[in-house]
Amino acid sequence: MRFRRRTGLLALSAAAAALAGLGVGAGTAQAETGFTINGFGTGQCLVSDAGNTFVQVTTCNKLAPNQQWKVLPNIGSGLITLENIGTQKCMGVDNNLNRASILLLPCDLGKVAQGWQKITTSQTGLVMLKSGFGGNKCLDRPTEFTRDFEPMQLWDCSDPHDSIFHSTHDEQRMKFGS
């Protein structure tokens, strides 16, 4: 009886030590991981600006927290909300006009201005993000140039099934990376 109790305690101690060695113990902070949102054929990813106010594009760095995003449900709307892991703010807009800035706002999961519809395109793995704010407006980069720190905007959505390379607003096509 005494031998079993000690064996059980030893096994419990060994399991606790193994978990502690893996960083699973109580109070251990784990880095949150997300995914990058890559522009079609640009090598650039969506990023928060230096002031954590706007969404821009810059050269992809999968380790940069301000280039990491996660999907949250947009409650009651059937849309998704995209939260920037580095800022803990959500991508949104304050109007649905062409050239409206893409903002980083405190997350409000019931707000359609922070909701996005993921539209599958005819190009494998590429999606377009249509604003839930209303109208037919999509996340768009203002030019076809690949300058770093260019701000993103809303613009009329192009045809998601147009598969001709660089035909109409390929700047609206994105890929959710790892």
N, C-alpha and C. Protein backbone atom coordinates (compact mmCIF):
# COMPACT_ATOMS: atom_id res chain seq x y z
N MET A 1 0.82 -1.18 0.00
CA MET A 1 0.00 0.00 0.00
C MET A 1 0.87 1.25 0.00
N ARG A 2 1.87 1.25 0.90
CA ARG A 2 2.76 2.39 1.00
C ARG A 2 3.53 2.57 -0.32
N PHE A 3 3.96 1.47 -0.95
CA PHE A 3 4.72 1.51 -2.19
C PHE A 3 3.89 2.13 -3.32
N ARG A 4 2.62 1.77 -3.43
CA ARG A 4 1.73 2.31 -4.46
C ARG A 4 1.55 3.81 -4.32
N ARG A 5 1.39 4.27 -3.09
CA ARG A 5 1.18 5.69 -2.84
C ARG A 5 2.41 6.48 -3.30
N ARG A 6 3.61 5.99 -2.96
CA ARG A 6 4.84 6.68 -3.36
C ARG A 6 5.00 6.66 -4.88
N THR A 7 4.69 5.54 -5.49
CA THR A 7 4.79 5.43 -6.94
C THR A 7 3.84 6.41 -7.60
N GLY A 8 2.63 6.51 -7.07
CA GLY A 8 1.65 7.46 -7.60
C GLY A 8 2.12 8.89 -7.45
N LEU A 9 2.70 9.21 -6.30
CA LEU A 9 3.22 10.57 -6.08
C LEU A 9 4.39 10.86 -6.99
N LEU A 10 5.26 9.87 -7.20
CA LEU A 10 6.39 10.05 -8.10
C LEU A 10 5.91 10.29 -9.53
N ALA A 11 4.91 9.53 -9.96
CA ALA A 11 4.37 9.69 -11.31
C ALA A 11 3.73 11.07 -11.47
N LEU A 12 3.00 11.50 -10.45
CA LEU A 12 2.37 12.82 -10.48
C LEU A 12 3.43 13.91 -10.53
N SER A 13 4.49 13.77 -9.73
CA SER A 13 5.58 14.75 -9.73
C SER A 13 6.27 14.79 -11.08
N ALA A 14 6.50 13.63 -11.69
CA ALA A 14 7.16 13.56 -13.00
C ALA A 14 6.29 14.23 -14.06
N ALA A 15 4.98 13.99 -14.02
CA ALA A 15 4.07 14.61 -14.98
C ALA A 15 4.06 16.13 -14.82
N ALA A 16 4.03 16.61 -13.59
CA ALA A 16 4.05 18.05 -13.34
C ALA A 16 5.35 18.67 -13.84
N ALA A 17 6.47 17.99 -13.62
CA ALA A 17 7.76 18.50 -14.09
C ALA A 17 7.80 18.54 -15.62
N ALA A 18 7.25 17.52 -16.26
CA ALA A 18 7.23 17.49 -17.72
C ALA A 18 6.39 18.63 -18.28
N LEU A 19 5.23 18.87 -17.68
CA LEU A 19 4.37 19.97 -18.13
C LEU A 19 5.05 21.30 -17.91
N ALA A 20 5.72 21.48 -16.79
CA ALA A 20 6.42 22.73 -16.52
C ALA A 20 7.53 22.93 -17.53
N GLY A 21 8.20 21.87 -17.91
CA GLY A 21 9.27 21.96 -18.91
C GLY A 21 8.74 22.35 -20.27
N LEU A 22 7.50 22.02 -20.57
CA LEU A 22 6.89 22.39 -21.84
C LEU A 22 6.25 23.77 -21.79
N GLY A 23 6.30 24.42 -20.66
CA GLY A 23 5.68 25.74 -20.56
C GLY A 23 4.18 25.67 -20.42
N VAL A 24 3.66 24.56 -19.92
CA VAL A 24 2.22 24.39 -19.81
C VAL A 24 1.72 24.74 -18.43
N GLY A 25 2.61 25.00 -17.51
CA GLY A 25 2.21 25.28 -16.13
C GLY A 25 1.39 26.54 -16.01
N ALA A 26 0.73 26.70 -14.89
CA ALA A 26 -0.10 27.87 -14.64
C ALA A 26 0.76 29.12 -14.66
N GLY A 27 0.23 30.17 -15.24
CA GLY A 27 0.92 31.46 -15.24
C GLY A 27 1.91 31.61 -16.38
N THR A 28 2.09 30.62 -17.22
CA THR A 28 3.02 30.73 -18.33
C THR A 28 2.32 31.43 -19.49
N ALA A 29 2.89 32.54 -19.94
CA ALA A 29 2.30 33.30 -21.04
C ALA A 29 2.69 32.64 -22.37
N GLN A 30 1.74 32.47 -23.23
CA GLN A 30 1.99 31.92 -24.55
C GLN A 30 1.79 33.03 -25.58
N ALA A 31 2.71 33.15 -26.53
CA ALA A 31 2.58 34.15 -27.58
C ALA A 31 1.41 33.75 -28.47
N GLU A 32 0.56 34.72 -28.78
CA GLU A 32 -0.58 34.45 -29.63
C GLU A 32 -0.13 34.46 -31.08
N THR A 33 -0.57 33.49 -31.84
CA THR A 33 -0.20 33.45 -33.24
C THR A 33 -1.44 33.67 -34.09
N GLY A 34 -1.22 34.21 -35.25
CA GLY A 34 -2.30 34.46 -36.18
C GLY A 34 -1.82 34.12 -37.58
N PHE A 35 -2.26 34.90 -38.54
CA PHE A 35 -1.87 34.69 -39.93
C PHE A 35 -1.62 36.05 -40.56
N THR A 36 -0.87 36.05 -41.65
CA THR A 36 -0.66 37.28 -42.40
C THR A 36 -1.74 37.37 -43.47
N ILE A 37 -2.00 38.58 -43.93
CA ILE A 37 -2.89 38.79 -45.07
C ILE A 37 -2.02 39.38 -46.16
N ASN A 38 -1.77 38.58 -47.19
CA ASN A 38 -0.82 38.93 -48.25
C ASN A 38 -1.53 39.50 -49.45
N GLY A 39 -0.96 40.56 -50.02
CA GLY A 39 -1.46 41.12 -51.27
C GLY A 39 -1.09 40.21 -52.43
N PHE A 40 -1.95 40.12 -53.42
CA PHE A 40 -1.76 39.24 -54.56
C PHE A 40 -0.48 39.59 -55.32
N GLY A 41 0.48 38.66 -55.32
CA GLY A 41 1.69 38.80 -56.11
C GLY A 41 2.62 39.93 -55.73
N THR A 42 2.48 40.49 -54.52
CA THR A 42 3.29 41.66 -54.17
C THR A 42 4.39 41.36 -53.17
N GLY A 43 4.29 40.28 -52.41
CA GLY A 43 5.24 40.03 -51.34
C GLY A 43 5.02 40.97 -50.17
N GLN A 44 3.87 41.62 -50.15
CA GLN A 44 3.54 42.56 -49.08
C GLN A 44 2.35 42.06 -48.27
N CYS A 45 2.31 42.49 -47.02
CA CYS A 45 1.26 42.07 -46.09
C CYS A 45 0.60 43.28 -45.45
N LEU A 46 -0.63 43.08 -44.99
CA LEU A 46 -1.31 44.13 -44.25
C LEU A 46 -0.63 44.29 -42.90
N VAL A 47 -0.51 45.54 -42.45
CA VAL A 47 0.21 45.87 -41.22
C VAL A 47 -0.46 47.08 -40.59
N SER A 48 -0.35 47.21 -39.27
CA SER A 48 -0.81 48.43 -38.62
C SER A 48 0.26 49.50 -38.82
N ASP A 49 -0.15 50.76 -38.96
CA ASP A 49 0.83 51.84 -39.11
C ASP A 49 1.50 52.10 -37.76
N ALA A 50 2.50 52.96 -37.76
CA ALA A 50 3.28 53.23 -36.54
C ALA A 50 2.41 53.77 -35.40
N GLY A 51 1.37 54.52 -35.74
CA GLY A 51 0.48 55.08 -34.73
C GLY A 51 -0.68 54.17 -34.36
N ASN A 52 -0.71 52.97 -34.95
CA ASN A 52 -1.78 52.00 -34.70
C ASN A 52 -3.16 52.55 -35.03
N THR A 53 -3.23 53.33 -36.10
CA THR A 53 -4.47 53.97 -36.49
C THR A 53 -5.01 53.47 -37.83
N PHE A 54 -4.12 53.19 -38.78
CA PHE A 54 -4.51 52.81 -40.14
C PHE A 54 -3.92 51.46 -40.52
N VAL A 55 -4.52 50.85 -41.55
CA VAL A 55 -3.98 49.61 -42.11
C VAL A 55 -3.22 49.98 -43.38
N GLN A 56 -1.99 49.49 -43.46
CA GLN A 56 -1.11 49.74 -44.60
C GLN A 56 -0.60 48.41 -45.13
N VAL A 57 0.26 48.49 -46.17
CA VAL A 57 0.97 47.31 -46.65
C VAL A 57 2.46 47.55 -46.51
N THR A 58 3.19 46.49 -46.26
CA THR A 58 4.65 46.54 -46.22
C THR A 58 5.19 45.15 -46.51
N THR A 59 6.49 45.06 -46.72
CA THR A 59 7.13 43.78 -46.99
C THR A 59 6.78 42.78 -45.88
N CYS A 60 6.39 41.59 -46.26
CA CYS A 60 5.95 40.58 -45.28
C CYS A 60 7.07 40.17 -44.35
N ASN A 61 6.73 40.08 -43.07
CA ASN A 61 7.60 39.55 -42.02
C ASN A 61 6.69 38.75 -41.11
N LYS A 62 6.64 37.46 -41.29
CA LYS A 62 5.70 36.60 -40.57
C LYS A 62 5.88 36.65 -39.06
N LEU A 63 7.02 37.16 -38.58
CA LEU A 63 7.27 37.22 -37.14
C LEU A 63 6.79 38.52 -36.51
N ALA A 64 6.45 39.52 -37.32
CA ALA A 64 6.04 40.82 -36.80
C ALA A 64 4.60 40.75 -36.28
N PRO A 65 4.38 41.02 -34.98
CA PRO A 65 3.02 40.95 -34.42
C PRO A 65 2.05 41.91 -35.11
N ASN A 66 2.54 43.06 -35.61
CA ASN A 66 1.63 44.01 -36.25
C ASN A 66 1.25 43.59 -37.67
N GLN A 67 1.78 42.44 -38.14
CA GLN A 67 1.36 41.86 -39.41
C GLN A 67 0.54 40.59 -39.19
N GLN A 68 0.27 40.26 -37.95
CA GLN A 68 -0.50 39.06 -37.62
C GLN A 68 -1.95 39.43 -37.35
N TRP A 69 -2.86 38.67 -37.90
CA TRP A 69 -4.30 38.90 -37.77
C TRP A 69 -4.97 37.63 -37.29
N LYS A 70 -6.12 37.80 -36.69
CA LYS A 70 -6.96 36.65 -36.36
C LYS A 70 -8.41 37.01 -36.66
N VAL A 71 -9.19 35.98 -36.94
CA VAL A 71 -10.60 36.14 -37.28
C VAL A 71 -11.44 36.03 -36.02
N LEU A 72 -12.32 36.99 -35.83
CA LEU A 72 -13.30 36.96 -34.75
C LEU A 72 -14.69 36.98 -35.39
N PRO A 73 -15.69 36.41 -34.74
CA PRO A 73 -17.04 36.48 -35.30
C PRO A 73 -17.59 37.89 -35.16
N ASN A 74 -18.30 38.36 -36.18
CA ASN A 74 -18.98 39.64 -36.09
C ASN A 74 -20.41 39.30 -35.71
N ILE A 75 -20.74 39.42 -34.45
CA ILE A 75 -21.95 38.89 -33.85
C ILE A 75 -23.22 39.37 -34.56
N GLY A 76 -24.03 38.41 -34.97
CA GLY A 76 -25.34 38.70 -35.54
C GLY A 76 -25.34 39.13 -36.99
N SER A 77 -24.18 39.19 -37.64
CA SER A 77 -24.16 39.72 -38.99
C SER A 77 -23.75 38.71 -40.05
N GLY A 78 -23.17 37.58 -39.64
CA GLY A 78 -22.66 36.61 -40.61
C GLY A 78 -21.35 37.04 -41.25
N LEU A 79 -20.76 38.11 -40.76
CA LEU A 79 -19.48 38.61 -41.26
C LEU A 79 -18.37 38.18 -40.33
N ILE A 80 -17.13 38.47 -40.72
CA ILE A 80 -16.00 38.24 -39.83
C ILE A 80 -15.40 39.58 -39.43
N THR A 81 -14.71 39.60 -38.32
CA THR A 81 -13.95 40.77 -37.89
C THR A 81 -12.50 40.35 -37.85
N LEU A 82 -11.61 41.23 -38.31
CA LEU A 82 -10.18 40.93 -38.34
C LEU A 82 -9.47 41.76 -37.28
N GLU A 83 -8.89 41.06 -36.30
CA GLU A 83 -8.17 41.74 -35.22
C GLU A 83 -6.67 41.64 -35.46
N ASN A 84 -5.99 42.79 -35.34
CA ASN A 84 -4.54 42.82 -35.43
C ASN A 84 -3.97 42.38 -34.09
N ILE A 85 -3.15 41.34 -34.09
CA ILE A 85 -2.63 40.79 -32.84
C ILE A 85 -1.70 41.78 -32.15
N GLY A 86 -0.90 42.52 -32.92
CA GLY A 86 0.05 43.46 -32.33
C GLY A 86 -0.61 44.62 -31.61
N THR A 87 -1.74 45.10 -32.14
CA THR A 87 -2.41 46.27 -31.56
C THR A 87 -3.65 45.90 -30.75
N GLN A 88 -4.18 44.71 -30.98
CA GLN A 88 -5.45 44.26 -30.41
C GLN A 88 -6.59 45.20 -30.81
N LYS A 89 -6.45 45.77 -32.02
CA LYS A 89 -7.51 46.59 -32.61
C LYS A 89 -8.03 45.88 -33.85
N CYS A 90 -9.24 46.25 -34.26
CA CYS A 90 -9.88 45.60 -35.39
C CYS A 90 -9.94 46.50 -36.61
N MET A 91 -9.88 45.86 -37.78
CA MET A 91 -9.92 46.56 -39.05
C MET A 91 -11.35 47.02 -39.31
N GLY A 92 -11.51 48.30 -39.64
CA GLY A 92 -12.84 48.82 -39.90
C GLY A 92 -12.81 50.08 -40.75
N VAL A 93 -13.97 50.63 -40.99
CA VAL A 93 -14.12 51.86 -41.78
C VAL A 93 -15.10 52.78 -41.06
N ASP A 94 -15.08 54.06 -41.43
CA ASP A 94 -16.06 54.98 -40.84
C ASP A 94 -17.07 55.48 -41.88
N ASN A 95 -16.91 55.07 -43.15
CA ASN A 95 -17.91 55.37 -44.17
C ASN A 95 -17.72 54.36 -45.31
N ASN A 96 -18.63 54.36 -46.27
CA ASN A 96 -18.54 53.40 -47.37
C ASN A 96 -18.30 54.08 -48.71
N LEU A 97 -17.53 55.15 -48.70
CA LEU A 97 -17.21 55.87 -49.93
C LEU A 97 -15.89 55.37 -50.51
N ASN A 98 -15.73 55.49 -51.83
CA ASN A 98 -14.44 55.19 -52.43
C ASN A 98 -13.37 56.05 -51.77
N ARG A 99 -12.21 55.47 -51.54
CA ARG A 99 -11.05 56.09 -50.91
C ARG A 99 -11.17 56.23 -49.39
N ALA A 100 -12.21 55.66 -48.79
CA ALA A 100 -12.31 55.68 -47.32
C ALA A 100 -11.12 54.92 -46.75
N SER A 101 -10.51 55.48 -45.71
CA SER A 101 -9.36 54.84 -45.07
C SER A 101 -9.78 53.58 -44.33
N ILE A 102 -8.88 52.61 -44.30
CA ILE A 102 -9.09 51.40 -43.51
C ILE A 102 -8.44 51.67 -42.16
N LEU A 103 -9.25 51.66 -41.13
CA LEU A 103 -8.82 52.08 -39.80
C LEU A 103 -8.59 50.90 -38.87
N LEU A 104 -7.84 51.15 -37.81
CA LEU A 104 -7.73 50.22 -36.69
C LEU A 104 -8.49 50.84 -35.53
N LEU A 105 -9.53 50.14 -35.08
CA LEU A 105 -10.45 50.66 -34.07
C LEU A 105 -10.55 49.68 -32.90
N PRO A 106 -10.93 50.19 -31.72
CA PRO A 106 -11.21 49.24 -30.63
C PRO A 106 -12.26 48.24 -31.11
N CYS A 107 -12.02 46.97 -30.88
CA CYS A 107 -12.90 45.92 -31.40
C CYS A 107 -14.30 46.02 -30.80
N ASP A 108 -15.30 45.97 -31.67
CA ASP A 108 -16.71 45.95 -31.30
C ASP A 108 -17.36 44.91 -32.20
N LEU A 109 -17.51 43.70 -31.71
CA LEU A 109 -17.91 42.58 -32.54
C LEU A 109 -19.33 42.66 -33.07
N GLY A 110 -20.10 43.64 -32.66
CA GLY A 110 -21.44 43.80 -33.19
C GLY A 110 -21.53 44.91 -34.23
N LYS A 111 -20.42 45.53 -34.54
CA LYS A 111 -20.41 46.70 -35.42
C LYS A 111 -20.15 46.27 -36.87
N VAL A 112 -21.11 46.56 -37.77
CA VAL A 112 -20.94 46.16 -39.17
C VAL A 112 -19.79 46.91 -39.84
N ALA A 113 -19.43 48.08 -39.34
CA ALA A 113 -18.31 48.84 -39.91
C ALA A 113 -16.99 48.12 -39.68
N GLN A 114 -16.98 47.11 -38.79
CA GLN A 114 -15.79 46.29 -38.57
C GLN A 114 -15.99 44.88 -39.13
N GLY A 115 -17.07 44.68 -39.85
CA GLY A 115 -17.37 43.37 -40.42
C GLY A 115 -16.91 43.29 -41.86
N TRP A 116 -16.44 42.11 -42.23
CA TRP A 116 -15.95 41.87 -43.59
C TRP A 116 -16.51 40.55 -44.09
N GLN A 117 -16.88 40.55 -45.37
CA GLN A 117 -17.32 39.32 -46.02
C GLN A 117 -16.15 38.79 -46.84
N LYS A 118 -15.77 37.55 -46.60
CA LYS A 118 -14.68 36.92 -47.34
C LYS A 118 -15.27 36.34 -48.61
N ILE A 119 -14.88 36.88 -49.77
CA ILE A 119 -15.41 36.43 -51.06
C ILE A 119 -14.33 35.63 -51.77
N THR A 120 -14.64 34.40 -52.12
CA THR A 120 -13.70 33.55 -52.84
C THR A 120 -13.62 34.00 -54.29
N THR A 121 -12.40 34.06 -54.83
CA THR A 121 -12.22 34.44 -56.23
C THR A 121 -11.98 33.19 -57.06
N SER A 122 -11.91 33.39 -58.38
CA SER A 122 -11.64 32.24 -59.26
C SER A 122 -10.18 31.83 -59.20
N GLN A 123 -9.34 32.64 -58.56
CA GLN A 123 -7.92 32.30 -58.44
C GLN A 123 -7.72 31.54 -57.13
N THR A 124 -7.19 30.35 -57.20
CA THR A 124 -7.05 29.45 -56.06
C THR A 124 -6.37 30.13 -54.88
N GLY A 125 -7.04 30.07 -53.73
CA GLY A 125 -6.46 30.58 -52.49
C GLY A 125 -6.61 32.08 -52.29
N LEU A 126 -7.14 32.78 -53.26
CA LEU A 126 -7.28 34.23 -53.12
C LEU A 126 -8.71 34.60 -52.74
N VAL A 127 -8.82 35.62 -51.91
CA VAL A 127 -10.12 36.13 -51.49
C VAL A 127 -10.14 37.64 -51.64
N MET A 128 -11.34 38.17 -51.63
CA MET A 128 -11.54 39.61 -51.54
C MET A 128 -12.27 39.85 -50.23
N LEU A 129 -12.03 41.01 -49.63
CA LEU A 129 -12.70 41.36 -48.38
C LEU A 129 -13.66 42.51 -48.66
N LYS A 130 -14.95 42.19 -48.62
CA LYS A 130 -16.00 43.18 -48.87
C LYS A 130 -16.46 43.76 -47.54
N SER A 131 -16.54 45.08 -47.47
CA SER A 131 -16.94 45.76 -46.25
C SER A 131 -18.39 45.45 -45.90
N GLY A 132 -18.64 45.24 -44.62
CA GLY A 132 -20.00 45.01 -44.15
C GLY A 132 -20.76 46.30 -43.91
N PHE A 133 -20.11 47.44 -44.14
CA PHE A 133 -20.70 48.74 -43.87
C PHE A 133 -21.83 49.07 -44.83
N GLY A 134 -21.86 48.42 -45.97
CA GLY A 134 -22.89 48.68 -46.96
C GLY A 134 -22.28 49.09 -48.28
N GLY A 135 -23.04 48.95 -49.34
CA GLY A 135 -22.50 49.24 -50.67
C GLY A 135 -21.65 48.08 -51.14
N ASN A 136 -21.12 48.21 -52.31
CA ASN A 136 -20.30 47.16 -52.91
C ASN A 136 -18.84 47.60 -52.86
N LYS A 137 -18.29 47.72 -51.65
CA LYS A 137 -16.93 48.25 -51.45
C LYS A 137 -16.02 47.18 -50.86
N CYS A 138 -14.80 47.11 -51.38
CA CYS A 138 -13.83 46.10 -50.95
C CYS A 138 -12.54 46.74 -50.48
N LEU A 139 -11.81 45.99 -49.67
CA LEU A 139 -10.48 46.37 -49.25
C LEU A 139 -9.61 46.45 -50.50
N ASP A 140 -8.86 47.54 -50.65
CA ASP A 140 -8.16 47.81 -51.90
C ASP A 140 -6.89 48.60 -51.60
N ARG A 141 -5.84 48.38 -52.37
CA ARG A 141 -4.67 49.26 -52.27
C ARG A 141 -4.83 50.33 -53.35
N PRO A 142 -4.46 51.58 -53.06
CA PRO A 142 -4.75 52.69 -53.97
C PRO A 142 -4.05 52.63 -55.32
N THR A 143 -2.90 51.99 -55.41
CA THR A 143 -2.17 51.95 -56.67
C THR A 143 -1.71 50.53 -56.95
N GLU A 144 -1.21 50.32 -58.15
CA GLU A 144 -0.66 49.02 -58.50
C GLU A 144 0.82 48.93 -58.12
N PHE A 145 1.38 50.01 -57.58
CA PHE A 145 2.78 50.00 -57.17
C PHE A 145 2.91 49.25 -55.85
N THR A 146 4.10 48.77 -55.55
CA THR A 146 4.30 48.01 -54.32
C THR A 146 5.20 48.78 -53.36
N ARG A 147 4.82 49.99 -53.06
CA ARG A 147 5.57 50.80 -52.09
C ARG A 147 5.19 50.36 -50.68
N ASP A 148 6.20 50.28 -49.82
CA ASP A 148 5.92 49.98 -48.42
C ASP A 148 5.19 51.14 -47.76
N PHE A 149 4.37 50.83 -46.81
CA PHE A 149 3.61 51.78 -45.98
C PHE A 149 2.57 52.56 -46.76
N GLU A 150 2.09 51.97 -47.84
CA GLU A 150 0.99 52.57 -48.58
C GLU A 150 -0.31 52.23 -47.85
N PRO A 151 -1.16 53.23 -47.57
CA PRO A 151 -2.39 52.96 -46.83
C PRO A 151 -3.42 52.23 -47.69
N MET A 152 -4.18 51.36 -47.06
CA MET A 152 -5.26 50.65 -47.74
C MET A 152 -6.50 51.53 -47.74
N GLN A 153 -7.44 51.21 -48.63
CA GLN A 153 -8.66 52.00 -48.77
C GLN A 153 -9.82 51.09 -49.17
N LEU A 154 -11.02 51.69 -49.19
CA LEU A 154 -12.19 51.02 -49.78
C LEU A 154 -12.30 51.47 -51.23
N TRP A 155 -12.77 50.57 -52.08
CA TRP A 155 -13.02 50.91 -53.47
C TRP A 155 -14.08 49.97 -53.99
N ASP A 156 -14.76 50.36 -55.09
CA ASP A 156 -15.77 49.50 -55.69
C ASP A 156 -15.19 48.11 -55.91
N CYS A 157 -15.94 47.09 -55.50
CA CYS A 157 -15.47 45.71 -55.67
C CYS A 157 -15.41 45.36 -57.14
N SER A 158 -14.33 44.67 -57.52
CA SER A 158 -14.24 44.16 -58.88
C SER A 158 -14.93 42.81 -58.94
N ASP A 159 -14.98 42.23 -60.11
CA ASP A 159 -15.60 40.92 -60.28
C ASP A 159 -14.68 39.85 -59.70
N PRO A 160 -15.10 39.14 -58.65
CA PRO A 160 -14.22 38.15 -58.02
C PRO A 160 -13.91 36.95 -58.92
N HIS A 161 -14.64 36.79 -60.01
CA HIS A 161 -14.43 35.63 -60.89
C HIS A 161 -13.68 36.01 -62.16
N ASP A 162 -13.20 37.25 -62.24
CA ASP A 162 -12.39 37.69 -63.37
C ASP A 162 -10.99 37.14 -63.17
N SER A 163 -10.59 36.17 -63.97
CA SER A 163 -9.31 35.50 -63.75
C SER A 163 -8.19 36.04 -64.63
N ILE A 164 -8.44 37.09 -65.38
CA ILE A 164 -7.40 37.66 -66.23
C ILE A 164 -6.42 38.42 -65.36
N PHE A 165 -5.15 38.09 -65.48
CA PHE A 165 -4.10 38.70 -64.65
C PHE A 165 -4.08 40.21 -64.84
N HIS A 166 -4.09 40.93 -63.77
CA HIS A 166 -4.05 42.40 -63.73
C HIS A 166 -5.14 43.05 -64.58
N SER A 167 -6.29 42.45 -64.65
CA SER A 167 -7.35 43.03 -65.47
C SER A 167 -8.07 44.16 -64.73
N THR A 168 -8.70 43.85 -63.64
CA THR A 168 -9.40 44.88 -62.88
C THR A 168 -9.15 44.68 -61.41
N HIS A 169 -8.48 45.61 -60.83
CA HIS A 169 -8.26 45.66 -59.38
C HIS A 169 -7.75 44.36 -58.77
N ASP A 170 -6.64 43.86 -59.31
CA ASP A 170 -5.99 42.73 -58.64
C ASP A 170 -5.52 43.15 -57.26
N GLU A 171 -5.46 44.47 -57.00
CA GLU A 171 -5.06 44.98 -55.69
C GLU A 171 -6.07 44.58 -54.62
N GLN A 172 -7.23 44.08 -55.02
CA GLN A 172 -8.25 43.67 -54.06
C GLN A 172 -8.13 42.20 -53.68
N ARG A 173 -7.27 41.47 -54.35
CA ARG A 173 -7.15 40.04 -54.09
C ARG A 173 -6.09 39.80 -53.01
N MET A 174 -6.46 39.04 -51.99
CA MET A 174 -5.61 38.78 -50.83
C MET A 174 -5.51 37.28 -50.59
N LYS A 175 -4.49 36.91 -49.85
CA LYS A 175 -4.34 35.52 -49.44
C LYS A 175 -4.09 35.50 -47.94
N PHE A 176 -4.84 34.69 -47.23
CA PHE A 176 -4.62 34.53 -45.80
C PHE A 176 -3.46 33.56 -45.64
N GLY A 177 -2.33 34.06 -45.12
CA GLY A 177 -1.12 33.25 -44.99
C GLY A 177 -1.05 32.55 -43.65
N SER A 178 0.16 32.07 -43.34
CA SER A 178 0.35 31.35 -42.08
C SER A 178 1.08 32.20 -41.08
